Amino acid sequence: LMTKKGYAIYNEIYCIERQNYTVGVNEKTYGLISYYIYSYLLPITAAFGMIGALICIIVFTRPQMRSSLNIFLAGLSFYDFILLSCSIVIYPMLTNCENNKVSSSCRVFAKFSLILYPFSLIAQTASVFTCVAITVDRFLAVKYPLRTIMWSTPSRAFAITISIGVISFIYKLPSFRETELDGCGFLMVSDMRRSKWYSTLYLTYSYLIFMLVIPWITMIILNTTIVRAVHKAYIIRRALTKQSVDEKERRCTIMAVVICIIFVLLNLPAGINFLIDMVDIKLDRNSAFGHLRVPISNLLVTINSACNLIIYSIFGRRFRRMCTKLFCSCLKKKNYQYLTQIAQQSEGNDVSKKFSNVLQQKVR
């Protein structure tokens, strides 16, 4: 029989040997690329994205910015911040464990992953359905502009955003039980995760229906309808009073459409990876696609969560002004009044041109 001390020594040797395995030349090369993605590109992107998400949350929650769309955008920024916070911790620790093969680093990674990885799944789910809510909000604003005033209120948007977070938490609650620590303190798949019913019904078909089919089809169909309606309205409605009202809604709608399009494009590789795993396609581990498809898709998902500040800055005129007012007080005191005068002159010139065009049409 082995003593407790002997068992402890044997167990430690066994744990160390589990990490020692040989890899091919190609796998070393692709592993190095994966290392740079997880150790440098993804954390840097996530860090900038977290700063941008905080800025967006502060700006969109100002009383001056209060609207249903801005509430949804603030909620999206909040969920993106959680996702980026989890990613900036998990992935560098993961690649450090894989490359250095040090027992202590792998044990630390395992303990953090038990909590952070499920929360990243919750935040990702909430982000998906917040994008759907943004699409529906813009669809109602374009197709039913009068009724939208009663339907899409800030308080209702806030309630929907909170409900999305609660439902996402309940939906991803089983993910907390998918992994556990083994006798070595490393991460291992739980018995529930190995269950055929759980793997088939929850991980495969549930994800396929609720995370891919329903949200993607909804966003594609509604955004196609929105783009057509905005283009038609832009051509037909050229009266001065109507155009001044439509310009603000048109900019907000275009911004929301761009957000959803970028979301679909940057999450497409992750969806393809899911389908590959679902149908159990055997890929060559030594090929570039087989080794790098997951790191690249994770990087693209991180970029999607981190790039919203750029989109808001490009399309959101009020967002830019509020950012300048809140974070650039020196510009506000010295140069902001000058910039505001230029903007007002530009808008005045645009209005005068539209007015002259309307007069010319009436004279004709």
Protein backbone atom coordinates (compact mmCIF):
# COMPACT_ATOMS: atom_id res chain seq x y z
CA LEU A 1 0.00 0.00 0.00
CA MET A 2 1.16 3.54 -0.73
CA THR A 3 1.45 5.99 2.14
CA LYS A 4 -0.11 9.43 2.05
CA LYS A 5 3.32 10.95 1.52
CA GLY A 6 4.11 8.50 -1.24
CA TYR A 7 0.77 9.14 -2.91
CA ALA A 8 1.41 12.87 -2.83
CA ILE A 9 4.79 12.41 -4.51
CA TYR A 10 3.34 10.07 -7.12
CA ASN A 11 0.43 12.41 -7.76
CA GLU A 12 2.76 15.40 -8.30
CA ILE A 13 4.95 13.39 -10.71
CA TYR A 14 1.84 12.26 -12.57
CA CYS A 15 0.60 15.84 -12.83
CA ILE A 16 3.94 17.03 -14.23
CA GLU A 17 4.11 14.19 -16.75
CA ARG A 18 0.63 15.04 -18.02
CA GLN A 19 1.98 18.32 -19.37
CA ASN A 20 4.98 16.86 -21.23
CA TYR A 21 4.09 15.97 -24.80
CA THR A 22 5.83 16.35 -28.13
CA VAL A 23 4.63 18.54 -30.97
CA GLY A 24 5.47 18.69 -34.65
CA VAL A 25 7.37 21.44 -36.44
CA ASN A 26 4.25 22.96 -38.02
CA GLU A 27 2.42 22.83 -34.73
CA LYS A 28 5.27 24.74 -33.10
CA THR A 29 5.05 27.43 -35.78
CA TYR A 30 1.29 27.79 -35.52
CA GLY A 31 1.57 27.59 -31.75
CA LEU A 32 3.89 30.60 -31.85
CA ILE A 33 1.34 32.55 -33.90
CA SER A 34 -1.38 31.54 -31.46
CA TYR A 35 0.88 32.64 -28.61
CA TYR A 36 1.30 36.15 -30.06
CA ILE A 37 -2.44 36.41 -30.68
CA TYR A 38 -3.39 35.44 -27.13
CA SER A 39 -0.48 37.17 -25.38
CA TYR A 40 -0.31 40.48 -27.26
CA LEU A 41 -2.95 41.19 -29.93
CA LEU A 42 -5.99 40.06 -27.98
CA PRO A 43 -5.07 41.68 -24.61
CA ILE A 44 -4.11 44.99 -26.25
CA THR A 45 -7.36 45.02 -28.24
CA ALA A 46 -9.35 44.11 -25.14
CA ALA A 47 -7.66 46.84 -23.07
CA PHE A 48 -8.54 49.56 -25.59
CA GLY A 49 -12.02 48.09 -25.90
CA MET A 50 -12.57 48.21 -22.14
CA ILE A 51 -11.61 51.89 -22.07
CA GLY A 52 -13.91 52.57 -25.01
CA ALA A 53 -16.77 50.64 -23.39
CA LEU A 54 -16.46 52.68 -20.20
CA ILE A 55 -16.52 55.90 -22.22
CA CYS A 56 -19.64 54.72 -24.07
CA ILE A 57 -21.41 53.78 -20.83
CA ILE A 58 -20.67 57.20 -19.31
CA VAL A 59 -21.76 59.10 -22.43
CA PHE A 60 -24.93 57.14 -23.22
CA THR A 61 -26.21 57.31 -19.63
CA ARG A 62 -26.10 61.13 -19.52
CA PRO A 63 -29.56 62.75 -19.18
CA GLN A 64 -28.96 64.69 -22.43
CA MET A 65 -28.47 61.40 -24.32
CA ARG A 66 -31.53 59.67 -22.93
CA SER A 67 -33.33 57.66 -25.63
CA SER A 68 -34.27 54.04 -26.23
CA LEU A 69 -31.44 53.49 -28.71
CA ASN A 70 -28.82 55.01 -26.41
CA ILE A 71 -30.02 52.84 -23.51
CA PHE A 72 -29.52 49.76 -25.67
CA LEU A 73 -26.08 51.00 -26.74
CA ALA A 74 -25.12 51.58 -23.10
CA GLY A 75 -26.26 48.05 -22.28
CA LEU A 76 -24.27 46.66 -25.21
CA SER A 77 -21.18 48.51 -23.98
CA PHE A 78 -21.69 47.11 -20.48
CA TYR A 79 -21.91 43.52 -21.72
CA ASP A 80 -18.93 44.07 -24.01
CA PHE A 81 -16.95 45.39 -21.04
CA ILE A 82 -17.65 42.18 -19.09
CA LEU A 83 -16.70 40.03 -22.08
CA LEU A 84 -13.46 41.94 -22.65
CA SER A 85 -12.60 41.83 -18.94
CA CYS A 86 -12.91 38.05 -18.93
CA SER A 87 -10.98 37.68 -22.20
CA ILE A 88 -8.05 39.82 -21.05
CA VAL A 89 -7.57 37.47 -18.08
CA ILE A 90 -8.41 34.05 -19.53
CA TYR A 91 -6.55 33.93 -22.85
CA PRO A 92 -3.08 35.14 -21.75
CA MET A 93 -3.20 32.69 -18.85
CA LEU A 94 -4.31 29.93 -21.22
CA THR A 95 -1.42 30.44 -23.63
CA ASN A 96 1.02 30.78 -20.73
CA CYS A 97 -0.14 27.41 -19.42
CA GLU A 98 0.07 25.77 -22.85
CA ASN A 99 3.54 27.08 -23.72
CA ASN A 100 5.38 27.12 -20.40
CA LYS A 101 3.78 23.93 -19.06
CA VAL A 102 4.28 25.07 -15.48
CA SER A 103 1.96 23.39 -13.00
CA SER A 104 1.41 26.54 -10.94
CA SER A 105 0.34 28.69 -13.93
CA CYS A 106 -2.02 25.99 -15.18
CA ARG A 107 -3.62 25.67 -11.75
CA VAL A 108 -4.14 29.42 -11.52
CA PHE A 109 -5.66 29.41 -15.01
CA ALA A 110 -7.98 26.57 -14.02
CA LYS A 111 -9.27 28.37 -10.93
CA PHE A 112 -9.92 31.62 -12.79
CA SER A 113 -11.57 29.83 -15.72
CA LEU A 114 -14.12 28.14 -13.48
CA ILE A 115 -15.70 31.57 -12.85
CA LEU A 116 -14.62 33.86 -15.68
CA TYR A 117 -15.37 31.60 -18.64
CA PRO A 118 -19.08 31.14 -17.76
CA PHE A 119 -19.41 34.90 -17.23
CA SER A 120 -17.83 35.51 -20.64
CA LEU A 121 -20.48 33.21 -22.17
CA ILE A 122 -23.21 35.11 -20.33
CA ALA A 123 -21.88 38.46 -21.57
CA GLN A 124 -21.55 37.13 -25.12
CA THR A 125 -25.15 35.88 -25.09
CA ALA A 126 -26.40 39.21 -23.73
CA SER A 127 -24.43 41.10 -26.40
CA VAL A 128 -26.02 39.02 -29.16
CA PHE A 129 -29.58 39.69 -28.05
CA THR A 130 -28.86 43.35 -27.31
CA CYS A 131 -27.85 43.67 -30.96
CA VAL A 132 -31.17 42.07 -31.86
CA ALA A 133 -32.97 44.57 -29.61
CA ILE A 134 -31.13 47.45 -31.32
CA THR A 135 -32.21 46.11 -34.72
CA VAL A 136 -35.84 45.81 -33.62
CA ASP A 137 -35.75 49.33 -32.15
CA ARG A 138 -34.51 50.81 -35.43
CA PHE A 139 -37.00 48.73 -37.43
CA LEU A 140 -39.87 50.17 -35.39
CA ALA A 141 -38.44 53.70 -35.73
CA VAL A 142 -38.28 53.37 -39.52
CA LYS A 143 -41.52 51.49 -40.23
CA TYR A 144 -43.72 52.93 -37.46
CA PRO A 145 -42.24 56.34 -36.56
CA LEU A 146 -45.36 57.69 -34.82
CA ARG A 147 -46.07 54.61 -32.71
CA THR A 148 -42.39 54.29 -31.80
CA ILE A 149 -42.74 57.34 -29.55
CA MET A 150 -45.06 55.28 -27.33
CA TRP A 151 -43.41 51.89 -27.82
CA SER A 152 -39.68 52.64 -27.62
CA THR A 153 -39.32 54.59 -24.40
CA PRO A 154 -36.04 54.80 -22.41
CA SER A 155 -37.62 53.10 -19.39
CA ARG A 156 -38.86 50.22 -21.53
CA ALA A 157 -35.45 49.91 -23.22
CA PHE A 158 -33.79 49.77 -19.79
CA ALA A 159 -36.19 47.03 -18.66
CA ILE A 160 -35.49 45.04 -21.84
CA THR A 161 -31.72 45.42 -21.37
CA ILE A 162 -31.92 44.16 -17.78
CA SER A 163 -34.20 41.30 -18.86
CA ILE A 164 -31.69 40.28 -21.53
CA GLY A 165 -28.96 40.09 -18.89
CA VAL A 166 -31.10 38.04 -16.49
CA ILE A 167 -32.27 35.61 -19.19
CA SER A 168 -28.70 35.22 -20.48
CA PHE A 169 -27.51 34.42 -16.96
CA ILE A 170 -30.22 31.77 -16.51
CA TYR A 171 -29.60 30.34 -19.99
CA LYS A 172 -25.84 29.98 -19.38
CA LEU A 173 -26.13 28.89 -15.74
CA PRO A 174 -25.29 25.23 -16.61
CA SER A 175 -21.90 26.35 -17.96
CA PHE A 176 -20.72 26.80 -14.35
CA ARG A 177 -20.96 23.01 -13.99
CA GLU A 178 -19.29 22.07 -17.28
CA THR A 179 -15.75 22.07 -15.90
CA GLU A 180 -14.13 21.19 -12.60
CA LEU A 181 -10.71 20.68 -11.06
CA ASP A 182 -9.11 17.25 -11.12
CA GLY A 183 -6.80 15.79 -8.49
CA CYS A 184 -3.87 17.76 -9.93
CA GLY A 185 -5.72 21.06 -9.76
CA PHE A 186 -6.03 21.22 -13.55
CA LEU A 187 -9.17 21.93 -15.52
CA MET A 188 -11.19 18.90 -16.60
CA VAL A 189 -14.56 18.27 -18.23
CA SER A 190 -17.31 17.37 -15.79
CA ASP A 191 -19.58 14.34 -16.05
CA MET A 192 -22.48 16.62 -16.97
CA ARG A 193 -20.49 18.05 -19.87
CA ARG A 194 -19.67 14.53 -21.08
CA SER A 195 -23.34 13.56 -21.03
CA LYS A 196 -24.63 12.80 -24.52
CA TRP A 197 -27.99 14.44 -23.87
CA TYR A 198 -26.42 17.61 -22.49
CA SER A 199 -23.91 17.83 -25.32
CA THR A 200 -26.51 17.21 -28.01
CA LEU A 201 -29.49 19.19 -26.76
CA TYR A 202 -27.92 22.10 -24.88
CA LEU A 203 -24.47 22.65 -26.35
CA THR A 204 -25.35 21.83 -29.96
CA TYR A 205 -28.98 22.40 -30.87
CA SER A 206 -29.72 25.03 -28.24
CA TYR A 207 -26.68 27.07 -29.28
CA LEU A 208 -27.50 26.59 -32.96
CA ILE A 209 -31.07 27.81 -32.56
CA PHE A 210 -30.79 30.56 -29.94
CA MET A 211 -27.30 31.91 -30.65
CA LEU A 212 -27.03 31.56 -34.44
CA VAL A 213 -30.25 30.92 -36.35
CA ILE A 214 -32.76 33.15 -34.55
CA PRO A 215 -30.59 36.25 -33.89
CA TRP A 216 -28.73 36.18 -37.22
CA ILE A 217 -31.82 35.67 -39.37
CA THR A 218 -33.67 38.36 -37.40
CA MET A 219 -30.86 40.88 -37.82
CA ILE A 220 -30.31 40.10 -41.51
CA ILE A 221 -34.00 40.34 -42.45
CA LEU A 222 -34.78 43.45 -40.38
CA ASN A 223 -31.59 45.27 -41.39
CA THR A 224 -32.31 44.58 -45.06
CA THR A 225 -35.77 46.08 -44.57
CA ILE A 226 -34.29 49.05 -42.68
CA VAL A 227 -31.72 49.82 -45.37
CA ARG A 228 -34.37 49.76 -48.09
CA ALA A 229 -36.72 51.97 -46.08
CA VAL A 230 -33.99 54.50 -45.24
CA HIS A 231 -32.84 54.66 -48.86
CA LYS A 232 -36.41 55.14 -50.07
CA ALA A 233 -37.10 57.82 -47.45
CA TYR A 234 -33.87 59.62 -48.30
CA ILE A 235 -34.95 59.90 -51.94
CA ILE A 236 -38.62 60.80 -51.39
CA ARG A 237 -38.54 63.11 -48.37
CA ARG A 238 -36.66 66.23 -49.44
CA ALA A 239 -38.85 68.91 -47.92
CA LEU A 240 -37.00 71.25 -45.55
CA THR A 241 -38.94 70.53 -42.35
CA LYS A 242 -39.14 66.82 -42.96
CA GLN A 243 -35.49 66.49 -43.93
CA SER A 244 -34.27 68.20 -40.76
CA VAL A 245 -36.25 65.75 -38.65
CA ASP A 246 -35.26 62.68 -40.65
CA GLU A 247 -31.52 63.42 -40.67
CA LYS A 248 -31.07 62.60 -36.98
CA GLU A 249 -33.05 59.37 -37.21
CA ARG A 250 -31.28 58.44 -40.43
CA ARG A 251 -27.85 58.78 -38.81
CA CYS A 252 -28.92 56.72 -35.80
CA THR A 253 -30.40 54.05 -38.03
CA ILE A 254 -27.31 53.83 -40.23
CA MET A 255 -25.12 53.55 -37.12
CA ALA A 256 -27.27 50.71 -35.74
CA VAL A 257 -27.17 48.89 -39.08
CA VAL A 258 -23.37 49.20 -39.25
CA ILE A 259 -23.07 47.82 -35.70
CA CYS A 260 -25.16 44.76 -36.60
CA ILE A 261 -23.36 44.17 -39.91
CA ILE A 262 -19.95 44.29 -38.23
CA PHE A 263 -21.28 41.99 -35.52
CA VAL A 264 -22.34 39.38 -38.07
CA LEU A 265 -19.11 39.60 -40.08
CA LEU A 266 -16.74 39.39 -37.10
CA ASN A 267 -18.72 36.60 -35.42
CA LEU A 268 -19.05 34.60 -38.64
CA PRO A 269 -15.75 32.66 -38.15
CA ALA A 270 -16.87 31.64 -34.65
CA GLY A 271 -20.14 30.40 -36.12
CA ILE A 272 -18.25 28.43 -38.78
CA ASN A 273 -16.09 26.87 -36.06
CA PHE A 274 -19.21 25.81 -34.21
CA LEU A 275 -20.63 24.16 -37.32
CA ILE A 276 -17.31 22.37 -37.94
CA ASP A 277 -17.34 21.00 -34.40
CA MET A 278 -21.04 20.16 -34.60
CA VAL A 279 -20.72 17.95 -37.69
CA ASP A 280 -17.38 16.63 -36.34
CA ILE A 281 -15.28 17.48 -39.38
CA LYS A 282 -11.79 16.01 -38.99
CA LEU A 283 -9.19 18.70 -39.64
CA ASP A 284 -5.46 18.29 -40.00
CA ARG A 285 -3.94 19.53 -36.75
CA ASN A 286 -0.74 20.47 -38.58
CA SER A 287 -2.59 22.70 -41.05
CA ALA A 288 -2.84 26.45 -40.56
CA PHE A 289 -6.64 26.41 -40.62
CA GLY A 290 -6.90 23.52 -38.18
CA HIS A 291 -4.60 25.16 -35.65
CA LEU A 292 -5.40 28.88 -36.00
CA ARG A 293 -9.16 28.91 -36.65
CA VAL A 294 -10.03 29.19 -32.95
CA PRO A 295 -7.44 31.86 -31.96
CA ILE A 296 -8.34 34.03 -34.97
CA SER A 297 -12.09 33.71 -34.34
CA ASN A 298 -11.57 34.64 -30.67
CA LEU A 299 -9.53 37.68 -31.75
CA LEU A 300 -12.29 38.76 -34.16
CA VAL A 301 -14.93 38.43 -31.43
CA THR A 302 -12.75 40.63 -29.21
CA ILE A 303 -12.36 43.19 -32.01
CA ASN A 304 -16.14 43.26 -32.44
CA SER A 305 -16.62 44.07 -28.76
CA ALA A 306 -13.84 46.67 -28.82
CA CYS A 307 -14.65 48.62 -32.00
CA ASN A 308 -18.02 50.12 -31.07
CA LEU A 309 -16.46 53.36 -29.82
CA ILE A 310 -15.06 53.98 -33.31
CA ILE A 311 -18.48 53.39 -34.89
CA TYR A 312 -20.22 55.73 -32.45
CA SER A 313 -17.59 58.41 -33.04
CA ILE A 314 -18.00 58.22 -36.82
CA PHE A 315 -21.80 58.25 -37.01
CA GLY A 316 -22.86 59.87 -33.73
CA ARG A 317 -22.68 63.66 -33.88
CA ARG A 318 -24.20 64.05 -30.42
CA PHE A 319 -21.89 61.33 -29.13
CA ARG A 320 -18.83 63.26 -30.33
CA ARG A 321 -20.06 66.48 -28.76
CA MET A 322 -20.82 64.79 -25.45
CA CYS A 323 -17.39 63.11 -25.39
CA THR A 324 -15.76 66.48 -26.00
CA LYS A 325 -17.85 68.06 -23.26
CA LEU A 326 -17.12 65.35 -20.69
CA PHE A 327 -13.52 64.34 -21.37
CA CYS A 328 -11.93 67.33 -23.11
CA SER A 329 -12.66 70.27 -20.85
CA CYS A 330 -9.66 72.15 -22.22
CA LEU A 331 -11.08 71.89 -25.73
CA LYS A 332 -14.44 72.93 -24.39
CA LYS A 333 -12.99 76.13 -22.90
CA LYS A 334 -10.67 77.09 -25.74
CA ASN A 335 -11.52 75.43 -29.02
CA TYR A 336 -14.91 73.81 -28.57
CA GLN A 337 -16.83 77.07 -29.03
CA TYR A 338 -14.91 77.67 -32.24
CA LEU A 339 -15.66 74.13 -33.42
CA THR A 340 -19.32 74.60 -32.52
CA GLN A 341 -19.49 77.82 -34.55
CA ILE A 342 -17.99 76.05 -37.55
CA ALA A 343 -20.49 73.20 -37.17
CA GLN A 344 -23.39 75.65 -36.88
CA GLN A 345 -22.20 77.57 -39.95
CA SER A 346 -21.91 74.32 -41.86
CA GLU A 347 -25.39 73.24 -40.81
CA GLY A 348 -26.71 76.72 -41.64
CA ASN A 349 -25.20 76.54 -45.11
CA ASP A 350 -26.80 73.12 -45.61
CA VAL A 351 -30.19 74.46 -44.51
CA SER A 352 -29.91 77.52 -46.76
CA LYS A 353 -28.99 75.31 -49.72
CA LYS A 354 -31.98 73.06 -49.04
CA PHE A 355 -34.25 76.10 -48.70
CA SER A 356 -33.03 77.57 -51.98
CA ASN A 357 -33.52 74.22 -53.70
CA VAL A 358 -37.09 74.04 -52.42
CA LEU A 359 -37.79 77.60 -53.66
CA GLN A 360 -36.36 76.79 -57.07
CA GLN A 361 -38.55 73.70 -57.32
CA LYS A 362 -41.63 75.74 -56.38
CA VAL A 363 -40.78 78.45 -58.94
CA ARG A 364 -40.41 75.82 -61.63
